[in-house]
Amino acid sequence: MFLCNLPAIGHVILLFILLFSYLFTLSLACSGGNCQVLESCSAANDCAPGLYCGNCPAANKRQPVCTRGQANIPTSIVSGLPFNKYSWLVTHNAFSNVNAPPLSGVQRITFYNQEDTVTNQLRNGVRGLMLDMYDFEDDIWLCHSFQGRCYNITAFGPAGDTLREVEAFLTENPSEIVTIIIEDYVHSPKGLTQLFAKAGLEKYWYPVSKMPKKGEDWPTVNDMVQQNHRLLVFTSDDSKEEAEGIAYQWRYMVENDPGDPGVKQGSCHNRKESKRLSSKGASLFLMNYFPTYPVEDDACKENSSPLADMVGTCDKAAGNRMPNFVAVNFYMRSDGPGVFDILDKMNGQTLCGCSTVTACQPGSPPGVCKNVPAPVIAPPASSFSGSFSGSVQLSGFAPAASYPNILLTCSFHLSLMLVLMWL
């Protein structure tokens, strides 16, 4: 009624006010690579480096926001500590990529656990790779299979191809350390030894003879880099340690249950092959957090607050010992900060007594921290940088009904302007 009684000049003034408000709102919207974690976005290039635009319907979070896709490398912030003081991101079945082409003429029938290549995973900050190796086609292949045998419907490719990706990364990044954990179904004599040698990885091999066997600290990361012992390899086959010099996994690390038992909230128990999580006889701790049957769309919820809660549960179960490795499916998916922020908090607490590793001040006493907004992505300390491939990039992910609030606000303003013009 008030609008109807306004003189024409009043309509004009209101029109200009709304137009100004509309333009002002547009000016406040982040875009062009300026949007930060959890800020609304509508395209991949809206978000700052290290972030992508995605949402998490499984957690009832449908509006796309800038989501972390890269890790802060803790050794680039706090260096010089023993290797077992750090926490690292591990990809479960790192080779099992939804975008990997099947063998020619064969329809692959298996589960998938990741969405990009091993090279991309390493560039994005993954530092541990779980690989299932089998004898297949007169070679050693990576397979996601069953009953200890590889089939053409479960095969992904020769393991040597993936190991050459690791070799290339270690060569290009001389201060980085990578861990490979093998689910080992290889029976060919000296098969793994020859495999790693052909891939050119012997020069980076951490000798099993130098690994701490009674729960002592590992050498410092600086020493490992200086001696070029930057590849740690573990196998699930205990005979390989004596036969091929490959470390038997559960002699050096404790591990919780994989699959569904490992994601049961409030519970964290050692798998049957492992010592108790609280054992002092092994200085590394691998924490599994992935369901038995991987579901891509659910991973964003799994890799968020439930994962953070389980880290706390497992830390207590291990006698207040933070996991050194956190293994997940679809590592880039989350409701925003994700596994990368969780690792930051783990390393911050362990390395410097701060809420996040980006608050650590090298050389300062524990608990003396910088004031940093959370989550923060530190500037890269090395030349590598990841990219986003596969469906996780989500460049056109935002559904029509869930664009950022900015679009809704603008539509509302424009609608009001049209009503006023009609009046």
Protein backbone atom coordinates (compact mmCIF):
# COMPACT_ATOMS: atom_id res chain seq x y z
CA MET A 1 0.00 0.00 0.00
CA PHE A 2 2.84 2.34 0.89
CA LEU A 3 4.52 1.78 -2.48
CA CYS A 4 1.32 2.48 -4.35
CA ASN A 5 1.01 5.85 -2.61
CA LEU A 6 4.58 6.92 -3.35
CA PRO A 7 5.00 9.66 -5.95
CA ALA A 8 6.89 8.74 -9.13
CA ILE A 9 10.11 10.28 -7.82
CA GLY A 10 9.90 7.92 -4.83
CA HIS A 11 9.77 4.95 -7.16
CA VAL A 12 12.84 6.20 -8.98
CA ILE A 13 14.77 6.69 -5.73
CA LEU A 14 13.86 3.21 -4.51
CA LEU A 15 14.87 1.81 -7.86
CA PHE A 16 18.31 3.41 -7.62
CA ILE A 17 18.71 2.20 -4.01
CA LEU A 18 17.95 -1.38 -5.02
CA LEU A 19 20.21 -1.13 -8.05
CA PHE A 20 23.05 0.15 -5.86
CA SER A 21 22.44 -2.68 -3.38
CA TYR A 22 22.50 -5.20 -6.21
CA LEU A 23 25.80 -3.91 -7.57
CA PHE A 24 27.29 -3.69 -4.08
CA THR A 25 26.38 -7.33 -3.42
CA LEU A 26 28.04 -8.34 -6.66
CA SER A 27 31.20 -6.49 -5.67
CA LEU A 28 31.39 -8.46 -2.41
CA ALA A 29 31.12 -11.87 -4.07
CA CYS A 30 34.36 -13.84 -4.22
CA SER A 31 35.29 -15.18 -7.63
CA GLY A 32 38.21 -15.46 -10.01
CA GLY A 33 40.29 -17.63 -7.69
CA ASN A 34 39.71 -15.56 -4.52
CA CYS A 35 37.21 -17.80 -2.69
CA GLN A 36 38.54 -19.54 0.42
CA VAL A 37 37.58 -22.78 2.18
CA LEU A 38 33.83 -23.07 2.83
CA GLU A 39 33.01 -19.93 0.83
CA SER A 40 30.28 -20.38 -1.78
CA CYS A 41 31.34 -21.05 -5.35
CA SER A 42 29.78 -21.95 -8.67
CA ALA A 43 32.81 -22.98 -10.73
CA ALA A 44 36.22 -24.55 -10.16
CA ASN A 45 38.08 -21.32 -10.98
CA ASP A 46 36.20 -19.41 -8.25
CA CYS A 47 38.36 -21.05 -5.59
CA ALA A 48 41.91 -20.23 -4.50
CA PRO A 49 44.81 -22.55 -5.42
CA GLY A 50 44.62 -25.90 -3.66
CA LEU A 51 40.82 -25.78 -3.52
CA TYR A 52 38.04 -27.01 -5.78
CA CYS A 53 34.30 -26.30 -5.92
CA GLY A 54 32.16 -29.14 -4.60
CA ASN A 55 29.34 -30.07 -2.26
CA CYS A 56 28.34 -32.98 -0.02
CA PRO A 57 24.72 -34.11 -0.42
CA ALA A 58 25.45 -37.15 1.79
CA ALA A 59 25.90 -34.72 4.70
CA ASN A 60 22.91 -32.65 3.56
CA LYS A 61 25.26 -29.91 2.37
CA ARG A 62 24.12 -29.27 -1.18
CA GLN A 63 25.39 -25.76 -1.75
CA PRO A 64 28.79 -25.87 -3.46
CA VAL A 65 31.66 -24.47 -1.42
CA CYS A 66 35.41 -24.25 -1.90
CA THR A 67 36.82 -27.54 -0.67
CA ARG A 68 40.40 -28.44 0.18
CA GLY A 69 42.18 -30.62 -2.34
CA GLN A 70 45.83 -30.34 -1.24
CA ALA A 71 47.81 -31.03 1.89
CA ASN A 72 50.22 -28.91 3.85
CA ILE A 73 53.46 -30.90 3.93
CA PRO A 74 54.37 -30.89 7.65
CA THR A 75 58.12 -31.27 7.06
CA SER A 76 58.12 -28.00 5.12
CA ILE A 77 56.87 -26.26 8.28
CA VAL A 78 58.55 -28.24 11.08
CA SER A 79 61.61 -30.22 9.98
CA GLY A 80 64.29 -32.20 11.74
CA LEU A 81 62.12 -34.50 13.86
CA PRO A 82 62.06 -38.32 13.71
CA PHE A 83 59.93 -39.70 10.88
CA ASN A 84 57.53 -41.36 13.33
CA LYS A 85 56.54 -37.99 14.83
CA TYR A 86 54.66 -36.95 11.69
CA SER A 87 51.24 -37.88 10.33
CA TRP A 88 50.73 -38.57 6.63
CA LEU A 89 47.85 -39.07 4.22
CA VAL A 90 47.56 -42.55 2.68
CA THR A 91 45.31 -43.60 -0.20
CA HIS A 92 43.65 -46.97 0.20
CA ASN A 93 44.06 -48.94 -3.05
CA ALA A 94 45.77 -45.94 -4.59
CA PHE A 95 45.75 -47.60 -8.02
CA SER A 96 42.00 -48.32 -8.04
CA ASN A 97 41.05 -45.25 -10.05
CA VAL A 98 37.47 -44.92 -11.33
CA ASN A 99 38.85 -43.36 -14.51
CA ALA A 100 41.39 -46.10 -15.26
CA PRO A 101 40.57 -47.76 -18.59
CA PRO A 102 39.85 -51.52 -18.44
CA LEU A 103 41.83 -54.08 -20.37
CA SER A 104 41.01 -54.16 -24.05
CA GLY A 105 37.74 -55.95 -24.67
CA VAL A 106 37.10 -56.62 -20.96
CA GLN A 107 34.53 -55.06 -18.66
CA ARG A 108 36.16 -54.52 -15.26
CA ILE A 109 34.08 -55.81 -12.33
CA THR A 110 35.50 -54.58 -9.04
CA PHE A 111 35.31 -51.79 -6.47
CA TYR A 112 37.00 -48.42 -6.93
CA ASN A 113 38.62 -46.39 -4.17
CA GLN A 114 40.19 -43.29 -5.76
CA GLU A 115 39.47 -40.76 -8.48
CA ASP A 116 42.81 -39.65 -9.87
CA THR A 117 46.23 -40.96 -10.80
CA VAL A 118 48.99 -41.84 -8.37
CA THR A 119 50.99 -38.91 -9.76
CA ASN A 120 48.17 -36.53 -8.91
CA GLN A 121 47.78 -38.06 -5.47
CA LEU A 122 51.45 -37.45 -4.70
CA ARG A 123 51.30 -33.90 -6.03
CA ASN A 124 48.29 -33.20 -3.82
CA GLY A 125 50.17 -34.28 -0.70
CA VAL A 126 49.49 -38.00 -0.38
CA ARG A 127 52.61 -39.64 1.05
CA GLY A 128 51.49 -43.24 1.50
CA LEU A 129 50.18 -45.65 -1.15
CA MET A 130 48.40 -48.94 -0.47
CA LEU A 131 49.01 -51.24 -3.44
CA ASP A 132 47.65 -54.78 -4.01
CA MET A 133 50.21 -56.76 -6.04
CA TYR A 134 49.64 -60.09 -7.82
CA ASP A 135 51.35 -62.42 -10.26
CA PHE A 136 49.48 -61.93 -13.55
CA GLU A 137 50.24 -62.17 -17.27
CA ASP A 138 53.85 -63.24 -16.56
CA ASP A 139 54.38 -59.98 -14.69
CA ILE A 140 53.35 -58.30 -11.43
CA TRP A 141 50.10 -56.38 -11.67
CA LEU A 142 47.95 -54.17 -9.49
CA CYS A 143 44.55 -55.78 -8.99
CA HIS A 144 41.56 -55.23 -6.76
CA SER A 145 40.65 -58.88 -6.60
CA PHE A 146 39.72 -61.83 -4.38
CA GLN A 147 40.90 -65.30 -3.31
CA GLY A 148 44.52 -64.26 -3.79
CA ARG A 149 44.30 -64.29 -7.59
CA CYS A 150 44.17 -61.57 -10.22
CA TYR A 151 41.69 -61.81 -13.08
CA ASN A 152 41.29 -59.74 -16.22
CA ILE A 153 38.05 -58.31 -14.77
CA THR A 154 39.87 -57.12 -11.61
CA ALA A 155 43.18 -56.01 -13.14
CA PHE A 156 44.30 -52.38 -13.41
CA GLY A 157 47.76 -52.58 -14.93
CA PRO A 158 51.39 -53.59 -14.43
CA ALA A 159 52.70 -52.49 -11.04
CA GLY A 160 55.86 -51.24 -12.70
CA ASP A 161 53.95 -48.43 -14.39
CA THR A 162 52.76 -47.08 -11.04
CA LEU A 163 56.17 -47.49 -9.44
CA ARG A 164 57.70 -45.45 -12.25
CA GLU A 165 55.26 -42.67 -11.32
CA VAL A 166 56.63 -42.84 -7.78
CA GLU A 167 60.21 -42.77 -9.07
CA ALA A 168 59.49 -39.71 -11.19
CA PHE A 169 57.94 -37.91 -8.22
CA LEU A 170 60.85 -38.69 -5.88
CA THR A 171 63.32 -37.56 -8.53
CA GLU A 172 61.48 -34.28 -9.12
CA ASN A 173 61.02 -33.63 -5.38
CA PRO A 174 64.30 -34.45 -3.60
CA SER A 175 63.04 -33.58 -0.10
CA GLU A 176 59.92 -35.79 -0.12
CA ILE A 177 59.49 -39.22 1.51
CA VAL A 178 56.97 -41.79 0.26
CA THR A 179 55.72 -44.98 1.93
CA ILE A 180 54.36 -47.98 -0.01
CA ILE A 181 52.32 -50.63 1.82
CA ILE A 182 51.88 -53.80 -0.25
CA GLU A 183 49.06 -56.28 0.11
CA ASP A 184 51.28 -59.02 -1.24
CA TYR A 185 50.08 -61.91 -3.43
CA VAL A 186 53.32 -62.18 -5.40
CA HIS A 187 54.90 -65.66 -5.37
CA SER A 188 57.43 -65.35 -8.18
CA PRO A 189 60.99 -65.67 -6.75
CA LYS A 190 62.55 -62.26 -6.15
CA GLY A 191 59.58 -60.80 -8.01
CA LEU A 192 59.25 -57.64 -5.91
CA THR A 193 63.00 -57.06 -5.79
CA GLN A 194 63.20 -57.13 -9.57
CA LEU A 195 60.06 -55.02 -9.90
CA PHE A 196 61.41 -52.15 -7.80
CA ALA A 197 64.82 -52.37 -9.44
CA LYS A 198 63.32 -52.08 -12.93
CA ALA A 199 61.37 -49.03 -11.79
CA GLY A 200 64.60 -47.34 -10.69
CA LEU A 201 63.57 -47.16 -7.02
CA GLU A 202 66.51 -48.99 -5.45
CA LYS A 203 68.43 -45.73 -5.09
CA TYR A 204 65.72 -44.38 -2.74
CA TRP A 205 65.17 -47.60 -0.77
CA TYR A 206 65.25 -47.41 3.02
CA PRO A 207 67.25 -50.51 4.09
CA VAL A 208 65.29 -52.88 6.29
CA SER A 209 68.45 -53.45 8.33
CA LYS A 210 68.29 -49.84 9.53
CA MET A 211 64.62 -49.84 10.49
CA PRO A 212 63.93 -49.63 14.26
CA LYS A 213 62.57 -53.01 15.37
CA LYS A 214 61.83 -52.40 19.05
CA GLY A 215 59.72 -49.28 18.91
CA GLU A 216 62.59 -46.80 18.91
CA ASP A 217 62.38 -43.50 17.08
CA TRP A 218 63.13 -43.48 13.38
CA PRO A 219 65.90 -41.24 12.03
CA THR A 220 64.97 -37.62 11.48
CA VAL A 221 63.37 -36.71 8.18
CA ASN A 222 66.41 -34.53 7.47
CA ASP A 223 68.74 -37.52 7.87
CA MET A 224 66.53 -39.68 5.67
CA VAL A 225 66.59 -37.04 2.94
CA GLN A 226 70.33 -36.50 3.26
CA GLN A 227 71.01 -40.23 2.91
CA ASN A 228 68.42 -40.49 0.11
CA HIS A 229 66.49 -43.13 2.06
CA ARG A 230 63.21 -41.64 0.91
CA LEU A 231 61.18 -44.73 0.02
CA LEU A 232 59.78 -46.97 2.76
CA VAL A 233 58.32 -50.27 1.53
CA PHE A 234 56.33 -52.73 3.65
CA THR A 235 54.82 -56.08 2.70
CA SER A 236 52.10 -58.26 4.20
CA ASP A 237 54.21 -61.38 3.48
CA ASP A 238 56.57 -62.05 6.38
CA SER A 239 58.81 -64.32 4.28
CA LYS A 240 59.85 -61.42 2.06
CA GLU A 241 61.89 -59.70 4.77
CA GLU A 242 64.51 -62.43 4.83
CA ALA A 243 64.15 -63.46 1.19
CA GLU A 244 64.09 -60.02 -0.44
CA GLY A 245 64.91 -57.45 2.22
CA ILE A 246 61.38 -56.00 2.24
CA ALA A 247 60.08 -55.04 5.68
CA TYR A 248 57.27 -57.16 7.11
CA GLN A 249 54.63 -54.57 7.85
CA TRP A 250 53.48 -55.65 11.32
CA ARG A 251 56.99 -55.88 12.68
CA TYR A 252 57.30 -52.11 12.39
CA MET A 253 53.78 -50.73 12.71
CA VAL A 254 50.53 -51.32 14.52
CA GLU A 255 47.29 -51.11 12.57
CA ASN A 256 43.58 -50.98 13.35
CA ASP A 257 40.89 -53.02 11.62
CA PRO A 258 40.25 -52.16 7.97
CA GLY A 259 36.78 -52.01 6.44
CA ASP A 260 33.55 -51.59 8.38
CA PRO A 261 35.03 -52.41 11.82
CA GLY A 262 37.50 -49.55 11.30
CA VAL A 263 34.79 -46.94 10.79
CA LYS A 264 32.61 -47.96 13.75
CA GLN A 265 32.48 -44.84 15.88
CA GLY A 266 33.84 -45.16 19.40
CA SER A 267 35.78 -48.34 18.60
CA CYS A 268 39.39 -48.76 17.47
CA HIS A 269 40.95 -52.22 17.71
CA ASN A 270 44.06 -53.76 16.21
CA ARG A 271 43.64 -56.06 13.23
CA LYS A 272 44.53 -59.68 13.91
CA GLU A 273 47.98 -59.50 12.27
CA SER A 274 49.01 -56.46 14.30
CA LYS A 275 50.25 -56.00 17.82
CA ARG A 276 47.94 -54.16 20.17
CA LEU A 277 47.62 -50.50 19.24
CA SER A 278 49.13 -49.50 22.58
CA SER A 279 52.18 -51.74 22.03
CA LYS A 280 55.53 -50.04 22.46
CA GLY A 281 57.19 -52.63 20.23
CA ALA A 282 56.45 -50.79 16.98
CA SER A 283 57.00 -47.10 16.38
CA LEU A 284 54.59 -46.54 13.47
CA PHE A 285 50.78 -46.51 13.59
CA LEU A 286 48.57 -47.02 10.53
CA MET A 287 44.94 -45.96 10.97
CA ASN A 288 42.46 -47.32 8.44
CA TYR A 289 39.30 -45.33 7.87
CA PHE A 290 37.30 -46.66 4.94
CA PRO A 291 34.20 -48.87 4.71
CA THR A 292 34.30 -52.39 3.31
CA TYR A 293 32.28 -51.33 0.27
CA PRO A 294 33.37 -47.92 -1.05
CA VAL A 295 30.66 -45.48 -2.14
CA GLU A 296 31.94 -42.38 -3.92
CA ASP A 297 29.07 -40.12 -2.94
CA ASP A 298 29.32 -41.05 0.76
CA ALA A 299 33.05 -40.33 1.01
CA CYS A 300 32.56 -36.60 1.49
CA LYS A 301 30.71 -37.30 4.74
CA GLU A 302 33.10 -40.06 5.87
CA ASN A 303 36.17 -37.85 5.33
CA SER A 304 34.85 -35.04 7.51
CA SER A 305 33.80 -34.95 11.18
CA PRO A 306 33.38 -38.76 11.53
CA LEU A 307 37.03 -39.16 10.52
CA ALA A 308 38.12 -36.49 12.99
CA ASP A 309 36.19 -38.27 15.76
CA MET A 310 37.82 -41.60 14.89
CA VAL A 311 41.29 -40.05 15.02
CA GLY A 312 40.56 -39.10 18.63
CA THR A 313 39.25 -42.58 19.40
CA CYS A 314 42.29 -44.31 17.90
CA ASP A 315 44.70 -41.88 19.55
CA LYS A 316 43.30 -42.89 22.95
CA ALA A 317 43.24 -46.61 22.05
CA ALA A 318 46.94 -46.39 21.18
CA GLY A 319 47.84 -44.81 24.51
CA ASN A 320 47.73 -41.20 23.33
CA ARG A 321 49.77 -41.90 20.24
CA MET A 322 48.69 -40.09 17.11
CA PRO A 323 48.45 -42.21 13.95
CA ASN A 324 51.37 -41.77 11.55
CA PHE A 325 49.33 -42.83 8.54
CA VAL A 326 45.64 -42.19 7.86
CA ALA A 327 44.29 -44.33 5.00
CA VAL A 328 41.07 -43.26 3.25
CA ASN A 329 39.02 -43.75 0.09
CA PHE A 330 38.37 -40.86 -2.33
CA TYR A 331 40.75 -38.64 -0.38
CA MET A 332 39.70 -35.34 -2.00
CA ARG A 333 36.03 -35.63 -1.09
CA SER A 334 34.79 -33.88 2.04
CA ASP A 335 32.34 -31.24 3.24
CA GLY A 336 35.05 -28.56 3.05
CA PRO A 337 38.28 -28.83 5.07
CA GLY A 338 38.31 -32.64 4.98
CA VAL A 339 41.16 -35.02 5.62
CA PHE A 340 43.72 -32.30 4.85
CA ASP A 341 42.55 -30.14 7.76
CA ILE A 342 42.39 -33.17 10.04
CA LEU A 343 46.03 -34.01 9.20
CA ASP A 344 46.97 -30.36 9.88
CA LYS A 345 45.44 -30.61 13.34
CA MET A 346 47.11 -33.94 14.05
CA ASN A 347 50.53 -32.62 13.06
CA GLY A 348 49.98 -29.35 14.90
CA GLN A 349 49.23 -31.17 18.14
CA THR A 350 52.16 -33.59 17.80
CA LEU A 351 54.86 -31.36 16.35
CA CYS A 352 54.37 -28.12 18.25
CA GLY A 353 51.38 -28.34 20.60
CA CYS A 354 49.29 -26.03 18.39
CA SER A 355 45.79 -26.38 17.02
CA THR A 356 47.10 -26.74 13.47
CA VAL A 357 50.50 -27.26 11.88
CA THR A 358 50.30 -23.91 10.12
CA ALA A 359 50.39 -22.26 13.57
CA CYS A 360 53.71 -23.91 14.45
CA GLN A 361 56.69 -21.61 14.92
CA PRO A 362 59.93 -23.52 14.33
CA GLY A 363 62.38 -22.99 17.16
CA SER A 364 59.72 -21.92 19.65
CA PRO A 365 58.74 -23.94 22.73
CA PRO A 366 55.70 -26.25 22.39
CA GLY A 367 52.45 -24.35 22.67
CA VAL A 368 53.87 -21.06 21.37
CA CYS A 369 51.72 -20.67 18.27
CA LYS A 370 50.97 -18.16 15.56
CA ASN A 371 47.48 -16.77 15.23
CA VAL A 372 46.18 -18.21 11.99
CA PRO A 373 42.67 -18.49 10.62
CA ALA A 374 41.61 -22.08 10.19
CA PRO A 375 41.79 -23.88 7.93
CA VAL A 376 44.85 -22.44 6.20
CA ILE A 377 46.80 -23.71 3.22
CA ALA A 378 50.46 -22.83 3.60
CA PRO A 379 52.39 -21.58 0.57
CA PRO A 380 54.02 -24.55 -1.17
CA ALA A 381 57.62 -25.10 -0.11
CA SER A 382 58.54 -27.10 -3.19
CA SER A 383 57.91 -26.96 -6.89
CA PHE A 384 55.29 -29.66 -7.06
CA SER A 385 51.62 -28.79 -7.22
CA GLY A 386 48.66 -31.03 -7.76
CA SER A 387 45.78 -30.86 -10.13
CA PHE A 388 42.30 -32.16 -10.02
CA SER A 389 41.26 -34.89 -12.41
CA GLY A 390 38.26 -37.13 -12.75
CA SER A 391 34.83 -36.44 -11.33
CA VAL A 392 36.28 -34.92 -8.17
CA GLN A 393 37.08 -31.70 -9.99
CA LEU A 394 33.36 -31.05 -10.19
CA SER A 395 33.79 -28.09 -12.53
CA GLY A 396 30.14 -28.31 -13.47
CA PHE A 397 29.05 -29.91 -10.23
CA ALA A 398 26.67 -27.31 -8.87
CA PRO A 399 23.05 -28.35 -9.56
CA ALA A 400 20.64 -25.70 -10.70
CA ALA A 401 18.87 -25.60 -7.36
CA SER A 402 21.99 -25.11 -5.28
CA TYR A 403 24.05 -22.24 -6.66
CA PRO A 404 25.62 -19.86 -4.17
CA ASN A 405 23.61 -17.43 -2.11
CA ILE A 406 24.90 -14.59 -4.26
CA LEU A 407 22.75 -15.71 -7.18
CA LEU A 408 19.67 -15.98 -5.00
CA THR A 409 20.32 -12.52 -3.59
CA CYS A 410 20.74 -11.01 -7.03
CA SER A 411 17.57 -12.68 -8.30
CA PHE A 412 15.65 -11.30 -5.36
CA HIS A 413 16.92 -7.78 -6.00
CA LEU A 414 16.14 -7.95 -9.69
CA SER A 415 12.63 -9.21 -8.98
CA LEU A 416 11.97 -6.28 -6.66
CA MET A 417 13.25 -3.86 -9.27
CA LEU A 418 10.84 -5.26 -11.85
CA VAL A 419 7.93 -4.97 -9.41
CA LEU A 420 8.79 -1.35 -8.71
CA MET A 421 9.07 -0.56 -12.39
CA TRP A 422 5.64 -2.11 -12.96
CA LEU A 423 4.17 -0.02 -10.12
